[in-house]
Amino acid sequence: MIFKREDLLELLWDDDYEIEGKSAKIVLNEITGVGRWSIYYKMVFSYDGKYFMHKYSRGATEMQDEEPFEYDGDEIDCIEVEPRELLVIKYFPVA
């Protein structure tokens, strides 16, 4: 689904935002990687009863002039995703 860049930017600053009169809320915004100049993120948000995902990057320091969605244009195609419950096993040191 296509979203306007300015709407996604507003959603990043206000995680409970309205897009075209419908509520949009960020449910996941996590770092997926770090480069020399950029930090990479994955954002998932709910909108109109569905979930959408898009990846973006930000400058790693104040000297890197890189804003979210800077390279995506004015209209951004977000992919629809669905939540799924997973069983996760983690290992911890024995005391």
N, C-alpha and C. Protein backbone atom coordinates (compact mmCIF):
# COMPACT_ATOMS: atom_id res chain seq x y z
N MET A 1 0.85 -1.17 0.00
CA MET A 1 0.00 0.00 0.00
C MET A 1 0.90 1.24 0.00
N ILE A 2 0.49 2.24 -0.71
CA ILE A 2 1.27 3.47 -0.84
C ILE A 2 0.88 4.46 0.27
N PHE A 3 1.91 4.99 0.95
CA PHE A 3 1.72 6.02 1.97
C PHE A 3 2.57 7.22 1.60
N LYS A 4 2.13 8.39 2.03
CA LYS A 4 2.91 9.61 1.80
C LYS A 4 4.07 9.66 2.77
N ARG A 5 5.20 10.13 2.27
CA ARG A 5 6.41 10.23 3.10
C ARG A 5 6.16 11.08 4.34
N GLU A 6 5.47 12.21 4.19
CA GLU A 6 5.24 13.09 5.35
C GLU A 6 4.37 12.41 6.41
N ASP A 7 3.44 11.53 5.99
CA ASP A 7 2.64 10.80 6.98
C ASP A 7 3.49 9.81 7.77
N LEU A 8 4.39 9.12 7.10
CA LEU A 8 5.25 8.16 7.81
C LEU A 8 6.23 8.89 8.74
N LEU A 9 6.72 10.05 8.32
CA LEU A 9 7.59 10.84 9.21
C LEU A 9 6.83 11.28 10.45
N GLU A 10 5.61 11.76 10.26
CA GLU A 10 4.79 12.17 11.41
C GLU A 10 4.52 10.99 12.34
N LEU A 11 4.28 9.82 11.74
CA LEU A 11 4.03 8.63 12.54
C LEU A 11 5.25 8.27 13.39
N LEU A 12 6.46 8.48 12.86
CA LEU A 12 7.67 8.23 13.65
C LEU A 12 7.77 9.15 14.85
N TRP A 13 7.36 10.40 14.71
CA TRP A 13 7.47 11.37 15.81
C TRP A 13 6.30 11.25 16.78
N ASP A 14 5.13 10.86 16.27
CA ASP A 14 3.93 10.69 17.09
C ASP A 14 3.38 9.31 16.78
N ASP A 15 3.70 8.31 17.60
CA ASP A 15 3.41 6.92 17.25
C ASP A 15 1.92 6.56 17.26
N ASP A 16 1.05 7.52 17.52
CA ASP A 16 -0.39 7.31 17.42
C ASP A 16 -0.95 8.47 16.60
N TYR A 17 -0.96 8.31 15.29
CA TYR A 17 -1.20 9.40 14.34
C TYR A 17 -2.34 9.00 13.41
N GLU A 18 -3.04 9.97 12.87
CA GLU A 18 -4.11 9.70 11.91
C GLU A 18 -3.64 9.94 10.49
N ILE A 19 -3.89 8.97 9.62
CA ILE A 19 -3.60 9.10 8.20
C ILE A 19 -4.93 9.03 7.47
N GLU A 20 -5.28 10.10 6.79
CA GLU A 20 -6.54 10.19 6.07
C GLU A 20 -7.73 9.84 6.96
N GLY A 21 -7.71 10.33 8.19
CA GLY A 21 -8.81 10.15 9.13
C GLY A 21 -8.86 8.80 9.81
N LYS A 22 -7.89 7.93 9.56
CA LYS A 22 -7.85 6.61 10.18
C LYS A 22 -6.62 6.51 11.08
N SER A 23 -6.80 5.87 12.21
CA SER A 23 -5.71 5.76 13.19
C SER A 23 -4.58 4.88 12.67
N ALA A 24 -3.36 5.34 12.86
CA ALA A 24 -2.15 4.58 12.55
C ALA A 24 -1.30 4.55 13.81
N LYS A 25 -0.78 3.40 14.15
CA LYS A 25 0.00 3.27 15.39
C LYS A 25 1.19 2.35 15.15
N ILE A 26 2.36 2.80 15.57
CA ILE A 26 3.56 1.97 15.47
C ILE A 26 3.48 0.84 16.49
N VAL A 27 3.69 -0.39 16.03
CA VAL A 27 3.70 -1.55 16.94
C VAL A 27 5.12 -2.12 17.10
N LEU A 28 6.03 -1.78 16.17
CA LEU A 28 7.41 -2.24 16.25
C LEU A 28 8.30 -1.25 15.51
N ASN A 29 9.36 -0.83 16.15
CA ASN A 29 10.35 0.03 15.52
C ASN A 29 11.70 -0.37 16.09
N GLU A 30 12.41 -1.24 15.36
CA GLU A 30 13.63 -1.82 15.92
C GLU A 30 14.82 -1.63 14.99
N ILE A 31 15.99 -1.57 15.59
CA ILE A 31 17.23 -1.49 14.83
C ILE A 31 17.53 -2.87 14.25
N THR A 32 17.81 -2.91 12.95
CA THR A 32 18.11 -4.19 12.30
C THR A 32 19.58 -4.29 11.91
N GLY A 33 20.30 -3.18 11.94
CA GLY A 33 21.71 -3.21 11.58
C GLY A 33 22.35 -1.85 11.76
N VAL A 34 23.68 -1.86 11.79
CA VAL A 34 24.44 -0.63 11.96
C VAL A 34 25.57 -0.63 10.94
N GLY A 35 25.70 0.46 10.22
CA GLY A 35 26.79 0.63 9.28
C GLY A 35 27.71 1.73 9.76
N ARG A 36 28.70 2.04 8.97
CA ARG A 36 29.64 3.09 9.36
C ARG A 36 28.95 4.44 9.46
N TRP A 37 28.03 4.72 8.54
CA TRP A 37 27.39 6.03 8.49
C TRP A 37 25.91 6.02 8.83
N SER A 38 25.30 4.85 8.86
CA SER A 38 23.84 4.77 9.03
C SER A 38 23.44 3.71 10.04
N ILE A 39 22.27 3.92 10.65
CA ILE A 39 21.62 2.92 11.49
C ILE A 39 20.35 2.51 10.74
N TYR A 40 20.12 1.19 10.62
CA TYR A 40 19.01 0.66 9.83
C TYR A 40 17.89 0.17 10.75
N TYR A 41 16.67 0.49 10.37
CA TYR A 41 15.49 0.18 11.19
C TYR A 41 14.44 -0.57 10.39
N LYS A 42 13.59 -1.29 11.13
CA LYS A 42 12.37 -1.88 10.57
C LYS A 42 11.22 -1.34 11.40
N MET A 43 10.22 -0.78 10.72
CA MET A 43 9.05 -0.21 11.37
C MET A 43 7.81 -0.99 10.92
N VAL A 44 7.00 -1.42 11.88
CA VAL A 44 5.71 -2.05 11.59
C VAL A 44 4.65 -1.19 12.26
N PHE A 45 3.60 -0.90 11.52
CA PHE A 45 2.52 -0.08 12.08
C PHE A 45 1.17 -0.64 11.66
N SER A 46 0.16 -0.36 12.49
CA SER A 46 -1.20 -0.78 12.18
C SER A 46 -1.92 0.40 11.52
N TYR A 47 -2.78 0.07 10.55
CA TYR A 47 -3.56 1.08 9.85
C TYR A 47 -4.78 0.41 9.24
N ASP A 48 -5.95 0.90 9.58
CA ASP A 48 -7.20 0.40 9.00
C ASP A 48 -7.36 -1.11 9.20
N GLY A 49 -6.99 -1.61 10.39
CA GLY A 49 -7.16 -3.02 10.70
C GLY A 49 -6.12 -3.95 10.11
N LYS A 50 -5.10 -3.39 9.45
CA LYS A 50 -4.03 -4.19 8.86
C LYS A 50 -2.69 -3.72 9.40
N TYR A 51 -1.63 -4.51 9.12
CA TYR A 51 -0.28 -4.16 9.54
C TYR A 51 0.60 -3.98 8.30
N PHE A 52 1.48 -2.97 8.37
CA PHE A 52 2.37 -2.67 7.26
C PHE A 52 3.79 -2.49 7.78
N MET A 53 4.78 -2.83 6.92
CA MET A 53 6.17 -2.72 7.30
C MET A 53 6.95 -1.95 6.25
N HIS A 54 7.93 -1.18 6.73
CA HIS A 54 8.88 -0.53 5.83
C HIS A 54 10.20 -0.38 6.58
N LYS A 55 11.29 -0.49 5.84
CA LYS A 55 12.62 -0.30 6.42
C LYS A 55 13.13 1.09 6.06
N TYR A 56 13.90 1.67 6.98
CA TYR A 56 14.47 2.99 6.73
C TYR A 56 15.80 3.10 7.45
N SER A 57 16.51 4.19 7.21
CA SER A 57 17.79 4.40 7.88
C SER A 57 17.88 5.85 8.35
N ARG A 58 18.75 6.06 9.34
CA ARG A 58 19.05 7.38 9.88
C ARG A 58 20.57 7.51 9.96
N GLY A 59 21.04 8.74 9.95
CA GLY A 59 22.46 8.97 10.13
C GLY A 59 22.93 8.48 11.49
N ALA A 60 24.11 7.87 11.53
CA ALA A 60 24.61 7.28 12.77
C ALA A 60 25.10 8.32 13.77
N THR A 61 25.47 9.50 13.30
CA THR A 61 25.90 10.58 14.19
C THR A 61 25.26 11.87 13.73
N GLU A 62 25.45 12.90 14.51
CA GLU A 62 24.90 14.21 14.14
C GLU A 62 25.56 14.78 12.90
N MET A 63 26.69 14.24 12.49
CA MET A 63 27.39 14.73 11.30
C MET A 63 26.83 14.12 10.01
N GLN A 64 26.10 12.98 10.11
CA GLN A 64 25.51 12.37 8.93
C GLN A 64 24.11 12.95 8.75
N ASP A 65 23.94 13.68 7.68
CA ASP A 65 22.67 14.34 7.40
C ASP A 65 21.77 13.38 6.62
N GLU A 66 21.19 12.41 7.34
CA GLU A 66 20.34 11.40 6.71
C GLU A 66 19.07 11.25 7.55
N GLU A 67 17.94 11.52 6.94
CA GLU A 67 16.66 11.41 7.63
C GLU A 67 15.93 10.14 7.20
N PRO A 68 14.99 9.66 8.02
CA PRO A 68 14.20 8.49 7.64
C PRO A 68 13.48 8.72 6.30
N PHE A 69 13.42 7.70 5.47
CA PHE A 69 12.72 7.70 4.19
C PHE A 69 13.31 8.68 3.18
N GLU A 70 14.51 9.17 3.42
CA GLU A 70 15.13 10.17 2.54
C GLU A 70 15.30 9.67 1.11
N TYR A 71 15.55 8.39 0.95
CA TYR A 71 15.83 7.85 -0.38
C TYR A 71 14.61 7.16 -1.01
N ASP A 72 13.44 7.32 -0.41
CA ASP A 72 12.26 6.60 -0.86
C ASP A 72 11.30 7.42 -1.73
N GLY A 73 11.50 8.71 -1.85
CA GLY A 73 10.58 9.53 -2.63
C GLY A 73 9.40 10.00 -1.79
N ASP A 74 8.45 10.66 -2.45
CA ASP A 74 7.30 11.23 -1.74
C ASP A 74 6.21 10.21 -1.44
N GLU A 75 6.17 9.12 -2.22
CA GLU A 75 5.21 8.05 -2.00
C GLU A 75 5.96 6.76 -1.71
N ILE A 76 5.62 6.12 -0.59
CA ILE A 76 6.38 4.97 -0.13
C ILE A 76 5.48 3.74 -0.13
N ASP A 77 5.94 2.70 -0.76
CA ASP A 77 5.20 1.45 -0.84
C ASP A 77 5.57 0.57 0.35
N CYS A 78 4.63 0.43 1.29
CA CYS A 78 4.84 -0.41 2.48
C CYS A 78 4.19 -1.77 2.22
N ILE A 79 4.85 -2.82 2.67
CA ILE A 79 4.29 -4.15 2.43
C ILE A 79 3.39 -4.54 3.61
N GLU A 80 2.31 -5.24 3.29
CA GLU A 80 1.41 -5.72 4.33
C GLU A 80 2.03 -6.94 4.99
N VAL A 81 1.96 -6.98 6.31
CA VAL A 81 2.49 -8.09 7.10
C VAL A 81 1.40 -8.55 8.07
N GLU A 82 1.62 -9.70 8.69
CA GLU A 82 0.68 -10.19 9.69
C GLU A 82 1.46 -10.67 10.92
N PRO A 83 0.88 -10.47 12.10
CA PRO A 83 1.55 -10.97 13.31
C PRO A 83 1.38 -12.47 13.44
N ARG A 84 2.43 -13.12 13.89
CA ARG A 84 2.39 -14.55 14.18
C ARG A 84 3.09 -14.79 15.50
N GLU A 85 2.53 -15.68 16.31
CA GLU A 85 3.14 -16.02 17.59
C GLU A 85 4.19 -17.10 17.36
N LEU A 86 5.38 -16.92 17.99
CA LEU A 86 6.47 -17.87 17.85
C LEU A 86 6.92 -18.36 19.22
N LEU A 87 7.37 -19.60 19.27
CA LEU A 87 7.99 -20.14 20.47
C LEU A 87 9.49 -19.93 20.33
N VAL A 88 10.10 -19.28 21.31
CA VAL A 88 11.52 -18.98 21.25
C VAL A 88 12.23 -19.64 22.42
N ILE A 89 13.32 -20.31 22.14
CA ILE A 89 14.15 -20.91 23.18
C ILE A 89 15.45 -20.12 23.29
N LYS A 90 15.79 -19.71 24.50
CA LYS A 90 17.04 -18.98 24.75
C LYS A 90 17.83 -19.76 25.78
N TYR A 91 19.14 -19.63 25.73
CA TYR A 91 20.03 -20.34 26.65
C TYR A 91 20.74 -19.35 27.56
N PHE A 92 20.83 -19.72 28.85
CA PHE A 92 21.45 -18.86 29.86
C PHE A 92 22.50 -19.64 30.62
N PRO A 93 23.52 -18.97 31.15
CA PRO A 93 24.56 -19.66 31.92
C PRO A 93 23.99 -20.33 33.17
N VAL A 94 24.56 -21.44 33.53
CA VAL A 94 24.15 -22.15 34.74
C VAL A 94 24.87 -21.48 35.92
N ALA A 95 24.12 -21.20 36.96
CA ALA A 95 24.71 -20.52 38.13
C ALA A 95 25.57 -21.44 38.95
